[in-house]
Amino acid sequence: MLKIAICEDEIDVCFYLEDIIKKACEQLREIAMIDIFSNVSEIKRELKQKTGYHLLFLDIELQDGTGIDIGHFLRDTMGDDLTTPTGKPVGFSLPSVARNRTSFSDFGVTSIILFE
């Protein structure tokens, strides 16, 4: 199972991303658990309690901070040196993952995607 978090304060963007993710996972025959957060404090609270996410979609500017703040929180507070913040989508496409891996979770990359 692929665990994904979306942190975005515009609900339409959340639903749009969730729909794209669900369709991609359906094509890959992968199950995705998608959690949606609308601010930095919500996602930080969840990150403290859970084992983590495979993929984070973070808005750059939120009401109580930024997606970059969440990246710093993961690295500095949670000691997560594996998560990679990036200002653009990570360098893989879902079709290439499907072609070369047995499931999406086999890809083994933890990334943060920041968007405006």
N, C-alpha and C. Protein backbone atom coordinates (compact mmCIF):
# COMPACT_ATOMS: atom_id res chain seq x y z
N MET A 1 0.84 -1.18 0.00
CA MET A 1 0.00 0.00 0.00
C MET A 1 0.89 1.24 0.00
N LEU A 2 0.49 2.21 -0.79
CA LEU A 2 1.20 3.47 -0.91
C LEU A 2 0.51 4.51 -0.01
N LYS A 3 1.28 5.12 0.88
CA LYS A 3 0.73 6.14 1.79
C LYS A 3 1.12 7.53 1.27
N ILE A 4 0.10 8.35 1.02
CA ILE A 4 0.31 9.66 0.40
C ILE A 4 -0.38 10.73 1.24
N ALA A 5 0.29 11.87 1.40
CA ALA A 5 -0.30 13.01 2.09
C ALA A 5 -0.35 14.20 1.13
N ILE A 6 -1.46 14.91 1.18
CA ILE A 6 -1.62 16.15 0.44
C ILE A 6 -1.85 17.25 1.47
N CYS A 7 -1.04 18.29 1.44
CA CYS A 7 -1.23 19.42 2.34
C CYS A 7 -1.44 20.66 1.47
N GLU A 8 -2.68 21.10 1.42
CA GLU A 8 -3.09 22.18 0.52
C GLU A 8 -4.30 22.86 1.13
N ASP A 9 -4.32 24.19 1.11
CA ASP A 9 -5.44 24.91 1.71
C ASP A 9 -6.58 25.19 0.73
N GLU A 10 -6.41 24.89 -0.54
CA GLU A 10 -7.49 25.04 -1.51
C GLU A 10 -8.09 23.68 -1.77
N ILE A 11 -9.32 23.48 -1.33
CA ILE A 11 -9.96 22.17 -1.37
C ILE A 11 -10.09 21.63 -2.79
N ASP A 12 -10.31 22.50 -3.78
CA ASP A 12 -10.42 22.04 -5.17
C ASP A 12 -9.12 21.41 -5.64
N VAL A 13 -8.00 21.98 -5.24
CA VAL A 13 -6.69 21.43 -5.61
C VAL A 13 -6.50 20.07 -4.94
N CYS A 14 -6.93 19.95 -3.69
CA CYS A 14 -6.84 18.66 -2.98
C CYS A 14 -7.60 17.57 -3.72
N PHE A 15 -8.83 17.87 -4.09
CA PHE A 15 -9.64 16.88 -4.79
C PHE A 15 -9.06 16.54 -6.16
N TYR A 16 -8.53 17.54 -6.85
CA TYR A 16 -7.90 17.32 -8.16
C TYR A 16 -6.71 16.36 -8.03
N LEU A 17 -5.81 16.64 -7.08
CA LEU A 17 -4.65 15.78 -6.87
C LEU A 17 -5.08 14.37 -6.44
N GLU A 18 -6.03 14.31 -5.54
CA GLU A 18 -6.51 13.01 -5.07
C GLU A 18 -7.06 12.18 -6.23
N ASP A 19 -7.82 12.82 -7.12
CA ASP A 19 -8.38 12.12 -8.27
C ASP A 19 -7.28 11.60 -9.20
N ILE A 20 -6.28 12.42 -9.48
CA ILE A 20 -5.16 12.00 -10.34
C ILE A 20 -4.42 10.82 -9.71
N ILE A 21 -4.16 10.91 -8.42
CA ILE A 21 -3.43 9.85 -7.72
C ILE A 21 -4.23 8.54 -7.75
N LYS A 22 -5.52 8.63 -7.48
CA LYS A 22 -6.36 7.42 -7.48
C LYS A 22 -6.38 6.76 -8.86
N LYS A 23 -6.50 7.57 -9.90
CA LYS A 23 -6.52 7.02 -11.26
C LYS A 23 -5.19 6.36 -11.61
N ALA A 24 -4.08 7.00 -11.24
CA ALA A 24 -2.76 6.43 -11.51
C ALA A 24 -2.58 5.12 -10.75
N CYS A 25 -2.98 5.09 -9.51
CA CYS A 25 -2.83 3.87 -8.70
C CYS A 25 -3.73 2.76 -9.23
N GLU A 26 -4.90 3.13 -9.69
CA GLU A 26 -5.79 2.13 -10.28
C GLU A 26 -5.14 1.48 -11.50
N GLN A 27 -4.53 2.28 -12.37
CA GLN A 27 -3.84 1.75 -13.54
C GLN A 27 -2.68 0.83 -13.15
N LEU A 28 -2.04 1.16 -12.04
CA LEU A 28 -0.89 0.38 -11.58
C LEU A 28 -1.30 -0.78 -10.67
N ARG A 29 -2.60 -0.90 -10.44
CA ARG A 29 -3.12 -1.92 -9.53
C ARG A 29 -2.47 -1.80 -8.14
N GLU A 30 -2.38 -0.59 -7.69
CA GLU A 30 -1.79 -0.27 -6.39
C GLU A 30 -2.86 0.36 -5.51
N ILE A 31 -2.85 0.02 -4.26
CA ILE A 31 -3.77 0.62 -3.29
C ILE A 31 -3.09 1.84 -2.69
N ALA A 32 -3.81 2.94 -2.60
CA ALA A 32 -3.26 4.16 -2.01
C ALA A 32 -4.14 4.62 -0.86
N MET A 33 -3.50 4.96 0.23
CA MET A 33 -4.18 5.61 1.35
C MET A 33 -3.78 7.08 1.26
N ILE A 34 -4.75 7.96 1.04
CA ILE A 34 -4.47 9.37 0.83
C ILE A 34 -5.06 10.17 2.00
N ASP A 35 -4.19 10.89 2.70
CA ASP A 35 -4.62 11.77 3.77
C ASP A 35 -4.51 13.21 3.28
N ILE A 36 -5.51 14.02 3.60
CA ILE A 36 -5.54 15.42 3.18
C ILE A 36 -5.48 16.32 4.40
N PHE A 37 -4.58 17.31 4.33
CA PHE A 37 -4.41 18.28 5.41
C PHE A 37 -4.52 19.68 4.82
N SER A 38 -5.02 20.63 5.63
CA SER A 38 -5.19 21.99 5.12
C SER A 38 -4.21 22.98 5.73
N ASN A 39 -3.38 22.52 6.68
CA ASN A 39 -2.40 23.44 7.25
C ASN A 39 -1.20 22.68 7.81
N VAL A 40 -0.15 23.43 8.15
CA VAL A 40 1.12 22.86 8.59
C VAL A 40 0.96 22.13 9.92
N SER A 41 0.23 22.72 10.87
CA SER A 41 0.12 22.07 12.19
C SER A 41 -0.59 20.73 12.12
N GLU A 42 -1.58 20.59 11.25
CA GLU A 42 -2.28 19.30 11.10
C GLU A 42 -1.32 18.21 10.61
N ILE A 43 -0.57 18.51 9.57
CA ILE A 43 0.31 17.48 9.00
C ILE A 43 1.47 17.16 9.95
N LYS A 44 1.98 18.17 10.65
CA LYS A 44 3.05 17.91 11.63
C LYS A 44 2.56 16.97 12.73
N ARG A 45 1.36 17.21 13.21
CA ARG A 45 0.78 16.36 14.25
C ARG A 45 0.68 14.91 13.75
N GLU A 46 0.25 14.74 12.52
CA GLU A 46 0.12 13.40 11.94
C GLU A 46 1.48 12.76 11.70
N LEU A 47 2.44 13.54 11.24
CA LEU A 47 3.78 13.01 10.99
C LEU A 47 4.44 12.52 12.29
N LYS A 48 4.12 13.16 13.40
CA LYS A 48 4.67 12.73 14.69
C LYS A 48 4.09 11.39 15.14
N GLN A 49 2.85 11.11 14.72
CA GLN A 49 2.15 9.92 15.19
C GLN A 49 2.27 8.71 14.27
N LYS A 50 2.57 8.90 13.00
CA LYS A 50 2.59 7.80 12.04
C LYS A 50 4.00 7.44 11.63
N THR A 51 4.11 6.32 10.95
CA THR A 51 5.41 5.87 10.48
C THR A 51 5.90 6.65 9.27
N GLY A 52 5.03 7.41 8.65
CA GLY A 52 5.46 8.24 7.52
C GLY A 52 4.67 7.99 6.26
N TYR A 53 5.02 8.75 5.25
CA TYR A 53 4.36 8.67 3.94
C TYR A 53 5.39 8.36 2.88
N HIS A 54 4.93 7.72 1.82
CA HIS A 54 5.79 7.46 0.68
C HIS A 54 5.93 8.72 -0.19
N LEU A 55 4.88 9.53 -0.21
CA LEU A 55 4.87 10.69 -1.08
C LEU A 55 4.07 11.81 -0.42
N LEU A 56 4.63 13.02 -0.44
CA LEU A 56 3.96 14.20 0.11
C LEU A 56 3.79 15.23 -0.99
N PHE A 57 2.58 15.76 -1.12
CA PHE A 57 2.31 16.89 -2.00
C PHE A 57 2.06 18.08 -1.09
N LEU A 58 2.93 19.08 -1.14
CA LEU A 58 2.84 20.20 -0.22
C LEU A 58 2.69 21.52 -0.97
N ASP A 59 1.72 22.29 -0.56
CA ASP A 59 1.58 23.65 -1.08
C ASP A 59 2.76 24.47 -0.55
N ILE A 60 3.24 25.40 -1.35
CA ILE A 60 4.34 26.25 -0.89
C ILE A 60 3.88 27.16 0.24
N GLU A 61 2.75 27.84 0.06
CA GLU A 61 2.28 28.78 1.07
C GLU A 61 0.96 28.29 1.66
N LEU A 62 0.97 28.14 2.99
CA LEU A 62 -0.22 27.75 3.72
C LEU A 62 -0.50 28.81 4.78
N GLN A 63 -1.64 28.74 5.42
CA GLN A 63 -2.03 29.77 6.39
C GLN A 63 -1.05 29.89 7.55
N ASP A 64 -0.52 28.77 8.01
CA ASP A 64 0.32 28.80 9.21
C ASP A 64 1.77 28.40 8.94
N GLY A 65 2.21 28.52 7.70
CA GLY A 65 3.60 28.19 7.35
C GLY A 65 3.71 27.83 5.88
N THR A 66 4.75 27.07 5.57
CA THR A 66 4.99 26.70 4.17
C THR A 66 5.29 25.21 4.06
N GLY A 67 5.21 24.71 2.84
CA GLY A 67 5.62 23.33 2.57
C GLY A 67 7.09 23.13 2.90
N ILE A 68 7.87 24.16 2.72
CA ILE A 68 9.31 24.09 3.04
C ILE A 68 9.49 23.91 4.54
N ASP A 69 8.65 24.56 5.35
CA ASP A 69 8.69 24.36 6.80
C ASP A 69 8.47 22.89 7.16
N ILE A 70 7.58 22.24 6.44
CA ILE A 70 7.31 20.82 6.70
C ILE A 70 8.54 19.99 6.36
N GLY A 71 9.22 20.32 5.26
CA GLY A 71 10.46 19.63 4.91
C GLY A 71 11.52 19.78 5.99
N HIS A 72 11.67 21.01 6.49
CA HIS A 72 12.62 21.25 7.58
C HIS A 72 12.23 20.48 8.84
N PHE A 73 10.94 20.44 9.12
CA PHE A 73 10.45 19.70 10.28
C PHE A 73 10.81 18.21 10.16
N LEU A 74 10.59 17.65 8.98
CA LEU A 74 10.94 16.24 8.77
C LEU A 74 12.42 15.99 8.99
N ARG A 75 13.25 16.84 8.43
CA ARG A 75 14.70 16.65 8.53
C ARG A 75 15.23 16.97 9.92
N ASP A 76 14.87 18.14 10.43
CA ASP A 76 15.49 18.63 11.65
C ASP A 76 14.86 18.06 12.93
N THR A 77 13.55 17.94 12.95
CA THR A 77 12.86 17.48 14.16
C THR A 77 12.67 15.97 14.17
N MET A 78 12.27 15.42 13.03
CA MET A 78 11.98 13.99 12.96
C MET A 78 13.21 13.16 12.58
N GLY A 79 14.31 13.82 12.20
CA GLY A 79 15.53 13.10 11.84
C GLY A 79 15.42 12.33 10.55
N ASP A 80 14.58 12.79 9.63
CA ASP A 80 14.36 12.11 8.35
C ASP A 80 15.31 12.65 7.30
N ASP A 81 16.40 11.95 7.06
CA ASP A 81 17.36 12.37 6.04
C ASP A 81 17.06 11.78 4.67
N LEU A 82 16.04 10.93 4.57
CA LEU A 82 15.75 10.26 3.31
C LEU A 82 14.78 11.04 2.44
N THR A 83 13.92 11.84 3.06
CA THR A 83 12.94 12.60 2.30
C THR A 83 13.64 13.73 1.55
N THR A 84 13.30 13.88 0.28
CA THR A 84 13.95 14.85 -0.58
C THR A 84 12.99 15.94 -1.01
N PRO A 85 13.13 17.17 -0.49
CA PRO A 85 12.28 18.25 -1.00
C PRO A 85 12.68 18.62 -2.43
N THR A 86 11.72 18.90 -3.26
CA THR A 86 12.00 19.31 -4.62
C THR A 86 10.99 20.36 -5.05
N GLY A 87 11.41 21.31 -5.84
CA GLY A 87 10.51 22.35 -6.30
C GLY A 87 9.75 21.97 -7.54
N LYS A 88 10.02 20.81 -8.08
CA LYS A 88 9.32 20.34 -9.27
C LYS A 88 9.08 18.85 -9.11
N PRO A 89 8.20 18.28 -9.89
CA PRO A 89 7.93 16.85 -9.75
C PRO A 89 9.22 16.02 -9.82
N VAL A 90 9.25 14.96 -9.02
CA VAL A 90 10.42 14.10 -9.01
C VAL A 90 10.61 13.44 -10.37
N GLY A 91 11.81 12.98 -10.62
CA GLY A 91 12.19 12.53 -11.96
C GLY A 91 11.74 11.14 -12.34
N PHE A 92 10.48 10.84 -12.26
CA PHE A 92 9.97 9.58 -12.78
C PHE A 92 8.54 9.79 -13.22
N SER A 93 8.10 8.94 -14.10
CA SER A 93 6.72 9.01 -14.55
C SER A 93 6.03 7.72 -14.16
N LEU A 94 4.74 7.78 -13.95
CA LEU A 94 4.00 6.59 -13.55
C LEU A 94 4.09 5.47 -14.59
N PRO A 95 4.04 5.77 -15.90
CA PRO A 95 4.18 4.67 -16.86
C PRO A 95 5.53 3.95 -16.75
N SER A 96 6.62 4.70 -16.51
CA SER A 96 7.92 4.03 -16.40
C SER A 96 7.99 3.19 -15.14
N VAL A 97 7.35 3.63 -14.07
CA VAL A 97 7.31 2.84 -12.85
C VAL A 97 6.54 1.55 -13.11
N ALA A 98 5.41 1.67 -13.78
CA ALA A 98 4.58 0.49 -14.05
C ALA A 98 5.32 -0.51 -14.94
N ARG A 99 6.09 -0.02 -15.87
CA ARG A 99 6.81 -0.87 -16.81
C ARG A 99 7.96 -1.61 -16.13
N ASN A 100 8.63 -0.96 -15.19
CA ASN A 100 9.86 -1.50 -14.63
C ASN A 100 9.72 -2.08 -13.23
N ARG A 101 8.59 -1.95 -12.59
CA ARG A 101 8.42 -2.42 -11.22
C ARG A 101 7.15 -3.27 -11.12
N THR A 102 7.12 -4.15 -10.13
CA THR A 102 5.93 -4.96 -9.95
C THR A 102 4.80 -4.17 -9.30
N SER A 103 5.12 -3.19 -8.49
CA SER A 103 4.09 -2.32 -7.93
C SER A 103 4.71 -0.95 -7.63
N PHE A 104 3.87 0.03 -7.48
CA PHE A 104 4.35 1.39 -7.25
C PHE A 104 5.18 1.48 -5.98
N SER A 105 4.78 0.76 -4.93
CA SER A 105 5.51 0.84 -3.66
C SER A 105 6.89 0.21 -3.76
N ASP A 106 7.13 -0.64 -4.77
CA ASP A 106 8.47 -1.21 -4.97
C ASP A 106 9.48 -0.15 -5.41
N PHE A 107 8.97 1.00 -5.88
CA PHE A 107 9.86 2.03 -6.38
C PHE A 107 10.80 2.55 -5.30
N GLY A 108 10.32 2.62 -4.05
CA GLY A 108 11.17 2.90 -2.92
C GLY A 108 11.72 4.31 -2.83
N VAL A 109 11.04 5.29 -3.39
CA VAL A 109 11.51 6.67 -3.30
C VAL A 109 10.55 7.45 -2.42
N THR A 110 11.09 8.15 -1.45
CA THR A 110 10.28 9.04 -0.63
C THR A 110 10.58 10.45 -1.09
N SER A 111 9.57 11.18 -1.51
CA SER A 111 9.79 12.51 -2.06
C SER A 111 8.72 13.46 -1.56
N ILE A 112 9.08 14.71 -1.55
CA ILE A 112 8.13 15.77 -1.30
C ILE A 112 8.01 16.55 -2.60
N ILE A 113 6.80 16.80 -3.02
CA ILE A 113 6.58 17.63 -4.19
C ILE A 113 5.96 18.93 -3.71
N LEU A 114 6.66 20.03 -3.91
CA LEU A 114 6.16 21.35 -3.55
C LEU A 114 5.55 21.98 -4.80
N PHE A 115 4.41 22.63 -4.64
CA PHE A 115 3.78 23.28 -5.79
C PHE A 115 3.20 24.61 -5.35
N GLU A 116 2.98 25.47 -6.33
CA GLU A 116 2.43 26.80 -6.03
C GLU A 116 0.95 26.83 -6.29
